[in-house]
Structure formats: structure tokens, C-alpha cells
Amino acid sequence: MPREYAGKTDRELVIEWLKEDLAFYKKNVGKFTEFNTLITEELIDTVMIRIRKLEEKERNVNYRRLSKLYN
């Protein structure tokens, strides 16, 4: 397993991947992805919402893990 993956959850890795895609999308509005998807503001907004939802889930999971340790 590559070092940059060590200690990260699958969700954290997906969040990083989506953030990298988002940065690309923001620089290439109006162009097409390698899968021939038009990069639009709507696509950017959708990816941003997905990132926020995943980050919230990750925070909740971490909170539950910590509360089990201290309760």
C-alpha cells in the first residue's frame, strides 16, 4: 500500500480524489472530461455537495469512535 494511503479511511481517499477532480473542473469549465462529460457549473456544484456530505459522514464516524473511547 502506498504511503499516502496509510492510515486513511476509504472515505477520506474518495474525498481527496473528488477534491482533485474539483480543482480540475474549476480550471476547465466548458471543456470535456476524459469520459466526454461536459464540465459545467452544475457539475462543480454537485461535486462540492458530495464532498461536503462525505466530510460530514467522516466527522460523524470519527466522533462516534472517540465517544466510545471516552464513555
N, C-alpha and C. Protein backbone atom coordinates (compact mmCIF):
# COMPACT_ATOMS: atom_id res chain seq x y z
N MET A 1 0.85 -1.18 0.00
CA MET A 1 0.00 0.00 0.00
C MET A 1 0.89 1.24 0.00
N PRO A 2 0.64 2.16 -0.92
CA PRO A 2 1.44 3.39 -0.94
C PRO A 2 1.34 4.17 0.36
N ARG A 3 2.39 4.84 0.71
CA ARG A 3 2.48 5.58 1.96
C ARG A 3 1.37 6.62 2.12
N GLU A 4 0.98 7.30 1.02
CA GLU A 4 -0.03 8.35 1.13
C GLU A 4 -1.41 7.79 1.49
N TYR A 5 -1.60 6.48 1.36
CA TYR A 5 -2.89 5.86 1.72
C TYR A 5 -2.91 5.37 3.16
N ALA A 6 -1.76 5.21 3.75
CA ALA A 6 -1.66 4.62 5.08
C ALA A 6 -2.43 5.45 6.11
N GLY A 7 -3.26 4.76 6.89
CA GLY A 7 -3.97 5.41 7.97
C GLY A 7 -5.19 6.21 7.55
N LYS A 8 -5.55 6.15 6.28
CA LYS A 8 -6.72 6.91 5.80
C LYS A 8 -7.86 5.94 5.52
N THR A 9 -9.06 6.40 5.81
CA THR A 9 -10.23 5.59 5.50
C THR A 9 -10.52 5.67 4.01
N ASP A 10 -11.32 4.73 3.54
CA ASP A 10 -11.72 4.76 2.13
C ASP A 10 -12.43 6.07 1.82
N ARG A 11 -13.26 6.52 2.76
CA ARG A 11 -14.00 7.77 2.55
C ARG A 11 -13.03 8.94 2.42
N GLU A 12 -12.00 8.99 3.25
CA GLU A 12 -11.01 10.07 3.15
C GLU A 12 -10.31 10.06 1.80
N LEU A 13 -10.01 8.87 1.30
CA LEU A 13 -9.36 8.77 -0.01
C LEU A 13 -10.29 9.25 -1.13
N VAL A 14 -11.57 8.91 -1.03
CA VAL A 14 -12.53 9.37 -2.03
C VAL A 14 -12.66 10.89 -1.98
N ILE A 15 -12.68 11.46 -0.77
CA ILE A 15 -12.77 12.92 -0.63
C ILE A 15 -11.57 13.58 -1.31
N GLU A 16 -10.38 13.06 -1.08
CA GLU A 16 -9.18 13.62 -1.72
C GLU A 16 -9.29 13.54 -3.25
N TRP A 17 -9.75 12.40 -3.74
CA TRP A 17 -9.89 12.20 -5.18
C TRP A 17 -10.90 13.20 -5.75
N LEU A 18 -12.04 13.36 -5.08
CA LEU A 18 -13.04 14.32 -5.55
C LEU A 18 -12.52 15.75 -5.52
N LYS A 19 -11.73 16.10 -4.52
CA LYS A 19 -11.16 17.45 -4.45
C LYS A 19 -10.19 17.70 -5.59
N GLU A 20 -9.43 16.68 -5.96
CA GLU A 20 -8.53 16.81 -7.11
C GLU A 20 -9.34 17.01 -8.40
N ASP A 21 -10.39 16.21 -8.55
CA ASP A 21 -11.26 16.38 -9.72
C ASP A 21 -11.87 17.77 -9.74
N LEU A 22 -12.34 18.23 -8.58
CA LEU A 22 -12.97 19.54 -8.48
C LEU A 22 -12.02 20.65 -8.93
N ALA A 23 -10.78 20.57 -8.50
CA ALA A 23 -9.79 21.58 -8.91
C ALA A 23 -9.63 21.58 -10.43
N PHE A 24 -9.60 20.39 -11.02
CA PHE A 24 -9.51 20.29 -12.48
C PHE A 24 -10.74 20.88 -13.15
N TYR A 25 -11.92 20.55 -12.62
CA TYR A 25 -13.17 21.05 -13.21
C TYR A 25 -13.21 22.57 -13.18
N LYS A 26 -12.80 23.16 -12.07
CA LYS A 26 -12.86 24.62 -11.95
C LYS A 26 -11.97 25.32 -12.98
N LYS A 27 -10.88 24.67 -13.38
CA LYS A 27 -9.97 25.25 -14.36
C LYS A 27 -10.40 24.97 -15.79
N ASN A 28 -11.37 24.06 -15.96
CA ASN A 28 -11.71 23.61 -17.31
C ASN A 28 -13.21 23.66 -17.61
N VAL A 29 -13.90 24.66 -17.07
CA VAL A 29 -15.34 24.81 -17.34
C VAL A 29 -15.54 24.98 -18.84
N GLY A 30 -16.52 24.25 -19.36
CA GLY A 30 -16.82 24.33 -20.80
C GLY A 30 -16.09 23.29 -21.62
N LYS A 31 -15.15 22.61 -21.03
CA LYS A 31 -14.42 21.55 -21.73
C LYS A 31 -15.01 20.20 -21.32
N PHE A 32 -14.43 19.14 -21.85
CA PHE A 32 -14.93 17.80 -21.57
C PHE A 32 -13.91 17.00 -20.77
N THR A 33 -14.43 16.11 -19.91
CA THR A 33 -13.57 15.20 -19.15
C THR A 33 -13.10 14.08 -20.07
N GLU A 34 -12.25 13.19 -19.54
CA GLU A 34 -11.79 12.05 -20.35
C GLU A 34 -12.93 11.08 -20.65
N PHE A 35 -14.05 11.23 -19.92
CA PHE A 35 -15.22 10.39 -20.17
C PHE A 35 -16.29 11.13 -20.99
N ASN A 36 -15.86 12.21 -21.63
CA ASN A 36 -16.71 13.01 -22.52
C ASN A 36 -17.89 13.65 -21.79
N THR A 37 -17.69 14.04 -20.54
CA THR A 37 -18.70 14.75 -19.76
C THR A 37 -18.38 16.24 -19.81
N LEU A 38 -19.35 17.05 -20.18
CA LEU A 38 -19.16 18.49 -20.23
C LEU A 38 -19.01 19.03 -18.81
N ILE A 39 -17.98 19.81 -18.58
CA ILE A 39 -17.74 20.40 -17.27
C ILE A 39 -18.54 21.69 -17.18
N THR A 40 -19.53 21.68 -16.27
CA THR A 40 -20.41 22.82 -16.10
C THR A 40 -20.38 23.27 -14.65
N GLU A 41 -20.97 24.43 -14.40
CA GLU A 41 -21.09 24.90 -13.02
C GLU A 41 -21.95 23.94 -12.20
N GLU A 42 -22.94 23.35 -12.84
CA GLU A 42 -23.80 22.38 -12.15
C GLU A 42 -22.99 21.15 -11.71
N LEU A 43 -22.10 20.68 -12.56
CA LEU A 43 -21.23 19.56 -12.19
C LEU A 43 -20.35 19.94 -11.00
N ILE A 44 -19.78 21.12 -11.06
CA ILE A 44 -18.94 21.60 -9.97
C ILE A 44 -19.73 21.68 -8.67
N ASP A 45 -20.93 22.24 -8.73
CA ASP A 45 -21.77 22.34 -7.54
C ASP A 45 -22.11 20.96 -6.98
N THR A 46 -22.42 20.03 -7.86
CA THR A 46 -22.77 18.67 -7.44
C THR A 46 -21.60 17.99 -6.73
N VAL A 47 -20.40 18.15 -7.28
CA VAL A 47 -19.22 17.55 -6.67
C VAL A 47 -18.94 18.20 -5.31
N MET A 48 -19.11 19.51 -5.22
CA MET A 48 -18.89 20.20 -3.95
C MET A 48 -19.87 19.71 -2.88
N ILE A 49 -21.12 19.51 -3.25
CA ILE A 49 -22.12 19.00 -2.32
C ILE A 49 -21.74 17.59 -1.87
N ARG A 50 -21.31 16.77 -2.80
CA ARG A 50 -20.91 15.39 -2.46
C ARG A 50 -19.73 15.39 -1.50
N ILE A 51 -18.76 16.25 -1.73
CA ILE A 51 -17.60 16.34 -0.83
C ILE A 51 -18.06 16.72 0.57
N ARG A 52 -18.93 17.74 0.67
CA ARG A 52 -19.43 18.17 1.99
C ARG A 52 -20.15 17.05 2.72
N LYS A 53 -20.98 16.29 1.99
CA LYS A 53 -21.71 15.18 2.61
C LYS A 53 -20.75 14.10 3.11
N LEU A 54 -19.76 13.77 2.31
CA LEU A 54 -18.78 12.76 2.72
C LEU A 54 -17.96 13.24 3.92
N GLU A 55 -17.58 14.51 3.91
CA GLU A 55 -16.82 15.06 5.04
C GLU A 55 -17.66 15.02 6.32
N GLU A 56 -18.94 15.31 6.21
CA GLU A 56 -19.83 15.27 7.37
C GLU A 56 -19.95 13.84 7.90
N LYS A 57 -20.10 12.88 7.01
CA LYS A 57 -20.16 11.48 7.44
C LYS A 57 -18.87 11.07 8.13
N GLU A 58 -17.76 11.50 7.58
CA GLU A 58 -16.46 11.15 8.17
C GLU A 58 -16.32 11.76 9.56
N ARG A 59 -16.75 13.01 9.73
CA ARG A 59 -16.71 13.63 11.07
C ARG A 59 -17.58 12.87 12.05
N ASN A 60 -18.78 12.47 11.60
CA ASN A 60 -19.69 11.74 12.49
C ASN A 60 -19.12 10.39 12.90
N VAL A 61 -18.51 9.69 11.97
CA VAL A 61 -17.89 8.40 12.28
C VAL A 61 -16.76 8.59 13.28
N ASN A 62 -15.93 9.60 13.05
CA ASN A 62 -14.82 9.86 13.97
C ASN A 62 -15.32 10.26 15.35
N TYR A 63 -16.39 11.03 15.40
CA TYR A 63 -16.96 11.44 16.68
C TYR A 63 -17.45 10.21 17.45
N ARG A 64 -18.13 9.30 16.74
CA ARG A 64 -18.62 8.08 17.40
C ARG A 64 -17.47 7.23 17.90
N ARG A 65 -16.41 7.15 17.14
CA ARG A 65 -15.23 6.37 17.58
C ARG A 65 -14.65 6.97 18.85
N LEU A 66 -14.52 8.28 18.86
CA LEU A 66 -13.96 8.95 20.05
C LEU A 66 -14.88 8.82 21.26
N SER A 67 -16.18 8.96 21.04
CA SER A 67 -17.10 8.89 22.18
C SER A 67 -17.11 7.48 22.78
N LYS A 68 -16.88 6.44 21.98
CA LYS A 68 -16.79 5.09 22.52
C LYS A 68 -15.54 4.93 23.38
N LEU A 69 -14.47 5.62 22.99
CA LEU A 69 -13.24 5.53 23.77
C LEU A 69 -13.37 6.19 25.13
N TYR A 70 -14.11 7.27 25.19
CA TYR A 70 -14.17 8.05 26.43
C TYR A 70 -15.43 7.82 27.25
N ASN A 71 -16.31 6.94 26.83
CA ASN A 71 -17.52 6.65 27.59
C ASN A 71 -17.46 5.30 28.25
